[in-house]
Amino acid sequence: MTKMNDFKEIITGRRSIRNYDPSVKISREEMTEILTEATLAPSSVNMQPWRFMVIDSEEGKKKLAPLAKFNQVQTETSAAMIAVFADMKSDEYMDEIYDKAVAEGHMPAEVRDRQVAQIKGFFEASSFESLKEMNLIDAGLVSMQLMLAARAHGYDTNPIGGYEKDQIADVFGMDKERYYPVMLLSIGKAADQGYQSVRLPIEKITEWR
């Protein structure tokens, strides 16, 4: 698939597509590239709490279907359904992230040591709810970037919030206490153009001070 480099076309041409060409598949290699580009999104103290589950097999989609009752067309026709989760124990990767930053020359060791100590204190002092709120924002950022990355690769997406969030972790063998479901994203080659939507004018939603 030829990549698109026109950013304006990427953002203005994006549609929420529900019907895909079922003959178009996305290779694991290209999907990995799309996800890698998505993870360049920012996150609080760079904890990258997003986790992806790519459901692209027939067996996986059959498991998902009862959980996405109102999104059967996307589930059946898309190249894949991507479940985005927030990892409530993302701080377990803190040392790995900051050690790599030092090893690659992005950060002096003394800065890492100071920041890691501060971040560990922050996590220890934070409530579950405040961490969940932070992680949900970060997972939303990566989800939007994933949709734009997919568009740049010539694919279309649809963000889905209406599914059985209380069941998806259990059904796919994940720890539901640790992995909090954020959204589903269908991805594939559009079989139709979808609908263009309108936006409120900036004058109505912006204040200048």
C-alpha atoms as a PDB file:
ATOM      1  CA  MET A   1       0.000   0.000   0.000  1.00  0.00           C
ATOM      2  CA  THR A   2       1.427   3.409  -1.019  1.00  0.00           C
ATOM      3  CA  LYS A   3       1.742   5.795   1.905  1.00  0.00           C
ATOM      4  CA  MET A   4       0.152   9.232   1.792  1.00  0.00           C
ATOM      5  CA  ASN A   5       2.220  12.210   2.903  1.00  0.00           C
ATOM      6  CA  ASP A   6      -0.338  15.013   2.475  1.00  0.00           C
ATOM      7  CA  PHE A   7      -1.326  15.789   6.064  1.00  0.00           C
ATOM      8  CA  LYS A   8      -4.276  17.982   5.092  1.00  0.00           C
ATOM      9  CA  GLU A   9      -5.677  15.202   2.928  1.00  0.00           C
ATOM     10  CA  ILE A  10      -5.151  12.708   5.763  1.00  0.00           C
ATOM     11  CA  ILE A  11      -7.167  14.738   8.273  1.00  0.00           C
ATOM     12  CA  THR A  12      -9.836  16.108   5.931  1.00  0.00           C
ATOM     13  CA  GLY A  13     -10.345  12.803   4.121  1.00  0.00           C
ATOM     14  CA  ARG A  14     -10.779  10.719   7.265  1.00  0.00           C
ATOM     15  CA  ARG A  15     -14.241   9.208   7.658  1.00  0.00           C
ATOM     16  CA  SER A  16     -15.737   6.778  10.132  1.00  0.00           C
ATOM     17  CA  ILE A  17     -16.120   3.795   7.823  1.00  0.00           C
ATOM     18  CA  ARG A  18     -18.412   0.928   8.739  1.00  0.00           C
ATOM     19  CA  ASN A  19     -18.289  -1.167   5.576  1.00  0.00           C
ATOM     20  CA  TYR A  20     -14.978  -2.545   4.302  1.00  0.00           C
ATOM     21  CA  ASP A  21     -13.736  -4.591   1.371  1.00  0.00           C
ATOM     22  CA  PRO A  22     -13.366  -8.029   3.025  1.00  0.00           C
ATOM     23  CA  SER A  23     -10.844  -9.142   0.404  1.00  0.00           C
ATOM     24  CA  VAL A  24      -8.280  -6.575   1.586  1.00  0.00           C
ATOM     25  CA  LYS A  25      -6.028  -7.807   4.374  1.00  0.00           C
ATOM     26  CA  ILE A  26      -3.265  -6.004   6.248  1.00  0.00           C
ATOM     27  CA  SER A  27      -0.027  -7.893   6.752  1.00  0.00           C
ATOM     28  CA  ARG A  28       1.383  -8.251  10.257  1.00  0.00           C
ATOM     29  CA  GLU A  29       4.419  -6.317   9.037  1.00  0.00           C
ATOM     30  CA  GLU A  30       2.377  -3.328   7.884  1.00  0.00           C
ATOM     31  CA  MET A  31       0.104  -3.448  10.927  1.00  0.00           C
ATOM     32  CA  THR A  32       3.206  -3.365  13.111  1.00  0.00           C
ATOM     33  CA  GLU A  33       4.378  -0.278  11.226  1.00  0.00           C
ATOM     34  CA  ILE A  34       1.000   1.436  11.715  1.00  0.00           C
ATOM     35  CA  LEU A  35       0.976   0.649  15.429  1.00  0.00           C
ATOM     36  CA  THR A  36       4.575   1.800  15.799  1.00  0.00           C
ATOM     37  CA  GLU A  37       3.700   5.140  14.207  1.00  0.00           C
ATOM     38  CA  ALA A  38       0.685   5.426  16.516  1.00  0.00           C
ATOM     39  CA  THR A  39       2.861   4.961  19.589  1.00  0.00           C
ATOM     40  CA  LEU A  40       4.765   8.143  18.788  1.00  0.00           C
ATOM     41  CA  ALA A  41       1.793   9.870  20.445  1.00  0.00           C
ATOM     42  CA  PRO A  42       2.590  11.663  23.714  1.00  0.00           C
ATOM     43  CA  SER A  43       1.770  10.192  27.114  1.00  0.00           C
ATOM     44  CA  SER A  44       2.014  11.355  30.708  1.00  0.00           C
ATOM     45  CA  VAL A  45       5.633  11.035  31.912  1.00  0.00           C
ATOM     46  CA  ASN A  46       6.143   8.832  28.838  1.00  0.00           C
ATOM     47  CA  MET A  47       4.588   5.775  30.497  1.00  0.00           C
ATOM     48  CA  GLN A  48       2.891   4.728  27.243  1.00  0.00           C
ATOM     49  CA  PRO A  49      -0.006   2.964  29.021  1.00  0.00           C
ATOM     50  CA  TRP A  50      -1.704   1.870  25.798  1.00  0.00           C
ATOM     51  CA  ARG A  51      -1.932  -1.817  24.911  1.00  0.00           C
ATOM     52  CA  PHE A  52      -3.276  -3.215  21.644  1.00  0.00           C
ATOM     53  CA  MET A  53      -5.026  -6.442  20.812  1.00  0.00           C
ATOM     54  CA  VAL A  54      -5.268  -6.929  17.037  1.00  0.00           C
ATOM     55  CA  ILE A  55      -8.163  -9.239  16.201  1.00  0.00           C
ATOM     56  CA  ASP A  56      -7.629 -10.305  12.586  1.00  0.00           C
ATOM     57  CA  SER A  57      -8.310 -14.044  12.596  1.00  0.00           C
ATOM     58  CA  GLU A  58     -11.655 -15.679  11.890  1.00  0.00           C
ATOM     59  CA  GLU A  59     -11.564 -17.271  15.328  1.00  0.00           C
ATOM     60  CA  GLY A  60     -10.840 -13.960  17.024  1.00  0.00           C
ATOM     61  CA  LYS A  61     -13.628 -12.174  15.193  1.00  0.00           C
ATOM     62  CA  LYS A  62     -16.100 -14.900  16.170  1.00  0.00           C
ATOM     63  CA  LYS A  63     -15.155 -14.304  19.804  1.00  0.00           C
ATOM     64  CA  LEU A  64     -15.578 -10.571  19.390  1.00  0.00           C
ATOM     65  CA  ALA A  65     -18.890 -10.627  17.501  1.00  0.00           C
ATOM     66  CA  PRO A  66     -21.173 -11.157  20.547  1.00  0.00           C
ATOM     67  CA  LEU A  67     -19.390  -8.302  22.337  1.00  0.00           C
ATOM     68  CA  ALA A  68     -19.978  -5.845  19.472  1.00  0.00           C
ATOM     69  CA  LYS A  69     -23.619  -6.553  18.697  1.00  0.00           C
ATOM     70  CA  PHE A  70     -24.247  -3.200  17.018  1.00  0.00           C
ATOM     71  CA  ASN A  71     -21.066  -3.272  14.975  1.00  0.00           C
ATOM     72  CA  GLN A  72     -21.348  -6.562  13.107  1.00  0.00           C
ATOM     73  CA  VAL A  73     -20.585  -5.107   9.667  1.00  0.00           C
ATOM     74  CA  GLN A  74     -17.273  -3.670  10.861  1.00  0.00           C
ATOM     75  CA  THR A  75     -16.375  -6.879  12.643  1.00  0.00           C
ATOM     76  CA  GLU A  76     -17.154  -9.069   9.642  1.00  0.00           C
ATOM     77  CA  THR A  77     -15.730  -6.950   6.804  1.00  0.00           C
ATOM     78  CA  SER A  78     -12.722  -5.144   8.322  1.00  0.00           C
ATOM     79  CA  ALA A  79      -9.176  -6.367   7.913  1.00  0.00           C
ATOM     80  CA  ALA A  80      -8.908  -6.240  11.696  1.00  0.00           C
ATOM     81  CA  MET A  81     -10.517  -4.973  14.851  1.00  0.00           C
ATOM     82  CA  ILE A  82      -8.064  -3.365  17.247  1.00  0.00           C
ATOM     83  CA  ALA A  83      -8.962  -3.295  20.930  1.00  0.00           C
ATOM     84  CA  VAL A  84      -7.173  -0.500  22.779  1.00  0.00           C
ATOM     85  CA  PHE A  85      -6.618  -0.983  26.502  1.00  0.00           C
ATOM     86  CA  ALA A  86      -5.119   1.170  29.237  1.00  0.00           C
ATOM     87  CA  ASP A  87      -2.570  -0.724  31.328  1.00  0.00           C
ATOM     88  CA  MET A  88      -3.143   0.177  34.970  1.00  0.00           C
ATOM     89  CA  LYS A  89       0.329  -1.112  35.807  1.00  0.00           C
ATOM     90  CA  SER A  90       2.210   0.734  33.098  1.00  0.00           C
ATOM     91  CA  ASP A  91       4.746   1.883  35.700  1.00  0.00           C
ATOM     92  CA  GLU A  92       6.218  -1.633  35.615  1.00  0.00           C
ATOM     93  CA  TYR A  93       7.913  -0.529  32.373  1.00  0.00           C
ATOM     94  CA  MET A  94       9.325   2.657  33.866  1.00  0.00           C
ATOM     95  CA  ASP A  95      12.905   1.447  34.288  1.00  0.00           C
ATOM     96  CA  GLU A  96      12.949  -0.118  30.828  1.00  0.00           C
ATOM     97  CA  ILE A  97      11.729   3.120  29.213  1.00  0.00           C
ATOM     98  CA  TYR A  98      14.099   5.448  31.038  1.00  0.00           C
ATOM     99  CA  ASP A  99      17.105   3.115  30.809  1.00  0.00           C
ATOM    100  CA  LYS A 100      16.604   2.964  27.045  1.00  0.00           C
ATOM    101  CA  ALA A 101      16.405   6.761  26.883  1.00  0.00           C
ATOM    102  CA  VAL A 102      19.814   6.934  28.554  1.00  0.00           C
ATOM    103  CA  ALA A 103      21.291   4.155  26.400  1.00  0.00           C
ATOM    104  CA  GLU A 104      20.192   5.928  23.209  1.00  0.00           C
ATOM    105  CA  GLY A 105      21.607   9.249  24.355  1.00  0.00           C
ATOM    106  CA  HIS A 106      18.303  11.064  24.835  1.00  0.00           C
ATOM    107  CA  MET A 107      18.801  11.684  28.539  1.00  0.00           C
ATOM    108  CA  PRO A 108      21.741  11.866  30.999  1.00  0.00           C
ATOM    109  CA  ALA A 109      21.767   9.147  33.658  1.00  0.00           C
ATOM    110  CA  GLU A 110      21.445  11.687  36.476  1.00  0.00           C
ATOM    111  CA  VAL A 111      18.302  13.134  34.899  1.00  0.00           C
ATOM    112  CA  ARG A 112      16.844   9.616  34.576  1.00  0.00           C
ATOM    113  CA  ASP A 113      17.563   8.875  38.230  1.00  0.00           C
ATOM    114  CA  ARG A 114      15.912  12.080  39.384  1.00  0.00           C
ATOM    115  CA  GLN A 115      12.867  11.699  37.157  1.00  0.00           C
ATOM    116  CA  VAL A 116      12.332   8.010  37.911  1.00  0.00           C
ATOM    117  CA  ALA A 117      12.368   8.730  41.657  1.00  0.00           C
ATOM    118  CA  GLN A 118       9.829  11.520  41.208  1.00  0.00           C
ATOM    119  CA  ILE A 119       7.567   9.449  38.967  1.00  0.00           C
ATOM    120  CA  LYS A 120       7.611   6.467  41.323  1.00  0.00           C
ATOM    121  CA  GLY A 121       6.558   8.783  44.130  1.00  0.00           C
ATOM    122  CA  PHE A 122       3.773  10.174  41.954  1.00  0.00           C
ATOM    123  CA  PHE A 123       2.419   6.701  41.148  1.00  0.00           C
ATOM    124  CA  GLU A 124       2.571   5.603  44.790  1.00  0.00           C
ATOM    125  CA  ALA A 125       0.638   8.692  45.895  1.00  0.00           C
ATOM    126  CA  SER A 126      -2.007   8.565  43.136  1.00  0.00           C
ATOM    127  CA  SER A 127      -5.395   6.912  43.498  1.00  0.00           C
ATOM    128  CA  PHE A 128      -6.606   4.250  41.094  1.00  0.00           C
ATOM    129  CA  GLU A 129      -9.192   6.653  39.693  1.00  0.00           C
ATOM    130  CA  SER A 130      -6.712   9.454  39.031  1.00  0.00           C
ATOM    131  CA  LEU A 131      -4.344   7.041  37.280  1.00  0.00           C
ATOM    132  CA  LYS A 132      -7.211   5.638  35.229  1.00  0.00           C
ATOM    133  CA  GLU A 133      -8.222   9.134  34.141  1.00  0.00           C
ATOM    134  CA  MET A 134      -4.642   9.879  33.103  1.00  0.00           C
ATOM    135  CA  ASN A 135      -4.322   6.587  31.229  1.00  0.00           C
ATOM    136  CA  LEU A 136      -7.632   7.054  29.417  1.00  0.00           C
ATOM    137  CA  ILE A 137      -6.462  10.404  28.073  1.00  0.00           C
ATOM    138  CA  ASP A 138      -3.201   8.853  26.876  1.00  0.00           C
ATOM    139  CA  ALA A 139      -5.023   5.907  25.283  1.00  0.00           C
ATOM    140  CA  GLY A 140      -7.310   8.376  23.508  1.00  0.00           C
ATOM    141  CA  LEU A 141      -4.283  10.186  22.094  1.00  0.00           C
ATOM    142  CA  VAL A 142      -2.766   6.984  20.720  1.00  0.00           C
ATOM    143  CA  SER A 143      -6.125   5.923  19.269  1.00  0.00           C
ATOM    144  CA  MET A 144      -6.449   9.143  17.291  1.00  0.00           C
ATOM    145  CA  GLN A 145      -2.879   8.852  16.075  1.00  0.00           C
ATOM    146  CA  LEU A 146      -3.553   5.244  15.069  1.00  0.00           C
ATOM    147  CA  MET A 147      -6.479   6.361  12.915  1.00  0.00           C
ATOM    148  CA  LEU A 148      -4.342   8.983  11.187  1.00  0.00           C
ATOM    149  CA  ALA A 149      -1.471   6.532  10.689  1.00  0.00           C
ATOM    150  CA  ALA A 150      -3.917   4.043   9.147  1.00  0.00           C
ATOM    151  CA  ARG A 151      -5.220   6.753   6.823  1.00  0.00           C
ATOM    152  CA  ALA A 152      -1.662   7.591   5.753  1.00  0.00           C
ATOM    153  CA  HIS A 153      -1.226   3.917   4.805  1.00  0.00           C
ATOM    154  CA  GLY A 154      -4.357   4.049   2.661  1.00  0.00           C
ATOM    155  CA  TYR A 155      -6.743   2.411   5.128  1.00  0.00           C
ATOM    156  CA  ASP A 156      -9.853   3.626   6.888  1.00  0.00           C
ATOM    157  CA  THR A 157     -11.073   3.238  10.443  1.00  0.00           C
ATOM    158  CA  ASN A 158     -14.047   3.573  12.735  1.00  0.00           C
ATOM    159  CA  PRO A 159     -13.733   4.252  16.479  1.00  0.00           C
ATOM    160  CA  ILE A 160     -16.261   2.189  18.441  1.00  0.00           C
ATOM    161  CA  GLY A 161     -17.230   2.845  22.034  1.00  0.00           C
ATOM    162  CA  GLY A 162     -20.406   0.749  22.131  1.00  0.00           C
ATOM    163  CA  TYR A 163     -19.326  -2.777  23.008  1.00  0.00           C
ATOM    164  CA  GLU A 164     -19.267  -5.045  26.056  1.00  0.00           C
ATOM    165  CA  LYS A 165     -16.318  -3.443  27.822  1.00  0.00           C
ATOM    166  CA  ASP A 166     -16.953  -5.400  31.000  1.00  0.00           C
ATOM    167  CA  GLN A 167     -16.486  -8.710  29.141  1.00  0.00           C
ATOM    168  CA  ILE A 168     -13.787  -8.221  26.522  1.00  0.00           C
ATOM    169  CA  ALA A 169     -10.780  -8.785  28.774  1.00  0.00           C
ATOM    170  CA  ASP A 170     -12.213 -12.032  30.150  1.00  0.00           C
ATOM    171  CA  VAL A 171     -13.214 -13.338  26.716  1.00  0.00           C
ATOM    172  CA  PHE A 172      -9.695 -12.840  25.367  1.00  0.00           C
ATOM    173  CA  GLY A 173      -7.904 -14.090  28.482  1.00  0.00           C
ATOM    174  CA  MET A 174      -6.641 -10.757  29.798  1.00  0.00           C
ATOM    175  CA  ASP A 175      -6.451  -9.540  33.381  1.00  0.00           C
ATOM    176  CA  LYS A 176      -9.493  -7.263  33.624  1.00  0.00           C
ATOM    177  CA  GLU A 177      -8.209  -5.676  36.822  1.00  0.00           C
ATOM    178  CA  ARG A 178      -5.077  -4.525  35.008  1.00  0.00           C
ATOM    179  CA  TYR A 179      -6.239  -3.812  31.447  1.00  0.00           C
ATOM    180  CA  TYR A 180      -9.021  -1.264  31.171  1.00  0.00           C
ATOM    181  CA  PRO A 181     -10.829  -1.251  27.775  1.00  0.00           C
ATOM    182  CA  VAL A 182     -10.842   2.109  26.009  1.00  0.00           C
ATOM    183  CA  MET A 183     -12.260   1.504  22.523  1.00  0.00           C
ATOM    184  CA  LEU A 184     -12.417  -0.720  19.499  1.00  0.00           C
ATOM    185  CA  LEU A 185     -11.096   0.449  16.158  1.00  0.00           C
ATOM    186  CA  SER A 186     -12.060  -1.236  12.914  1.00  0.00           C
ATOM    187  CA  ILE A 187      -9.471  -0.912  10.165  1.00  0.00           C
ATOM    188  CA  GLY A 188      -9.487  -1.887   6.504  1.00  0.00           C
ATOM    189  CA  LYS A 189     -10.078  -0.656   2.970  1.00  0.00           C
ATOM    190  CA  ALA A 190     -13.346   1.261   2.692  1.00  0.00           C
ATOM    191  CA  ALA A 191     -16.059  -0.300   0.541  1.00  0.00           C
ATOM    192  CA  ASP A 192     -17.910   3.018   0.423  1.00  0.00           C
ATOM    193  CA  GLN A 193     -17.056   6.663   1.006  1.00  0.00           C
ATOM    194  CA  GLY A 194     -18.841   7.017   4.304  1.00  0.00           C
ATOM    195  CA  TYR A 195     -20.516  10.248   5.337  1.00  0.00           C
ATOM    196  CA  GLN A 196     -18.906  13.629   5.611  1.00  0.00           C
ATOM    197  CA  SER A 197     -19.807  15.300   8.885  1.00  0.00           C
ATOM    198  CA  VAL A 198     -19.950  18.921   9.970  1.00  0.00           C
ATOM    199  CA  ARG A 199     -18.079  20.691  12.747  1.00  0.00           C
ATOM    200  CA  LEU A 200     -19.080  23.636  14.895  1.00  0.00           C
ATOM    201  CA  PRO A 201     -17.350  26.861  13.853  1.00  0.00           C
ATOM    202  CA  ILE A 202     -14.287  27.844  15.846  1.00  0.00           C
ATOM    203  CA  GLU A 203     -16.038  31.068  16.862  1.00  0.00           C
ATOM    204  CA  LYS A 204     -18.562  29.046  18.866  1.00  0.00           C
ATOM    205  CA  ILE A 205     -16.102  26.792  20.666  1.00  0.00           C
ATOM    206  CA  THR A 206     -13.126  29.068  21.301  1.00  0.00           C
ATOM    207  CA  GLU A 207     -12.519  31.989  23.650  1.00  0.00           C
ATOM    208  CA  TRP A 208      -9.642  34.421  23.182  1.00  0.00           C
ATOM    209  CA  ARG A 209      -8.285  36.094  26.301  1.00  0.00           C
END
